[in-house]
């Protein structure tokens, strides 16, 4: 994988983690998803963070 493309994957993962960290906790705080936003953003951030490693491992294996 091109290092520039890997950088954008890592950057997108960092944004997902930051949004999950600063999302409001619980349904009573303002408007929005509350804890539901965290549940969706953390796995997405993990997937984006691990995708370049998965791609490199697949390229080396096959």
Protein backbone atom coordinates (compact mmCIF):
# COMPACT_ATOMS: atom_id res chain seq x y z
CA UNK A 1 0.00 0.00 0.00
CA UNK A 2 1.20 3.46 -0.83
CA UNK A 3 2.46 5.28 2.30
CA UNK A 4 0.33 8.33 1.48
CA UNK A 5 -2.79 6.19 1.39
CA UNK A 6 -1.82 4.50 4.65
CA UNK A 7 -1.38 7.95 6.20
CA UNK A 8 -4.96 8.87 5.29
CA UNK A 9 -6.25 5.64 6.81
CA UNK A 10 -4.40 6.41 10.06
CA UNK A 11 -5.61 10.00 9.99
CA UNK A 12 -9.23 8.89 9.52
CA UNK A 13 -8.83 6.45 12.41
CA UNK A 14 -7.48 9.24 14.61
CA UNK A 15 -10.47 11.42 13.74
CA UNK A 16 -12.86 8.57 14.61
CA UNK A 17 -11.16 8.04 17.97
CA UNK A 18 -11.20 11.77 18.73
CA UNK A 19 -14.88 12.05 17.86
CA UNK A 20 -15.66 9.04 20.02
CA UNK A 21 -13.65 10.45 22.92
CA UNK A 22 -15.42 13.80 22.85
CA UNK A 23 -18.94 12.61 22.12
CA UNK A 24 -21.45 13.30 24.88
CA UNK A 25 -22.07 10.54 27.41
CA UNK A 26 -25.64 9.43 27.84
CA UNK A 27 -28.95 10.37 26.31
CA UNK A 28 -29.61 13.31 28.66
CA UNK A 29 -26.68 15.43 27.50
CA UNK A 30 -27.73 17.66 24.63
CA UNK A 31 -28.93 16.25 21.36
CA UNK A 32 -27.30 13.47 19.42
CA UNK A 33 -26.40 9.85 19.63
CA UNK A 34 -24.75 9.90 23.05
CA UNK A 35 -23.20 6.54 23.83
CA UNK A 36 -24.44 5.20 20.49
CA UNK A 37 -21.97 7.44 18.67
CA UNK A 38 -19.11 5.88 20.60
CA UNK A 39 -20.29 2.37 19.90
CA UNK A 40 -20.19 3.09 16.17
CA UNK A 41 -17.03 5.19 15.98
CA UNK A 42 -14.64 3.04 18.01
CA UNK A 43 -14.98 -0.09 15.83
CA UNK A 44 -14.76 2.06 12.70
CA UNK A 45 -11.56 3.65 14.02
CA UNK A 46 -10.10 0.25 14.83
CA UNK A 47 -10.95 -1.04 11.35
CA UNK A 48 -9.34 1.99 9.71
CA UNK A 49 -6.27 1.65 11.93
CA UNK A 50 -5.75 -2.04 11.15
CA UNK A 51 -6.55 -1.96 7.42
CA UNK A 52 -3.02 -0.90 6.26
CA UNK A 53 -1.49 -3.70 8.36
CA UNK A 54 -4.00 -6.19 6.94
CA UNK A 55 -3.21 -5.03 3.40
CA UNK A 56 0.55 -5.34 3.91
CA UNK A 57 0.19 -8.81 5.44
CA UNK A 58 -2.01 -9.95 2.56
CA UNK A 59 0.46 -8.60 0.02
CA UNK A 60 3.33 -10.41 1.73
CA UNK A 61 1.38 -13.68 2.02
CA UNK A 62 0.20 -13.86 -1.57
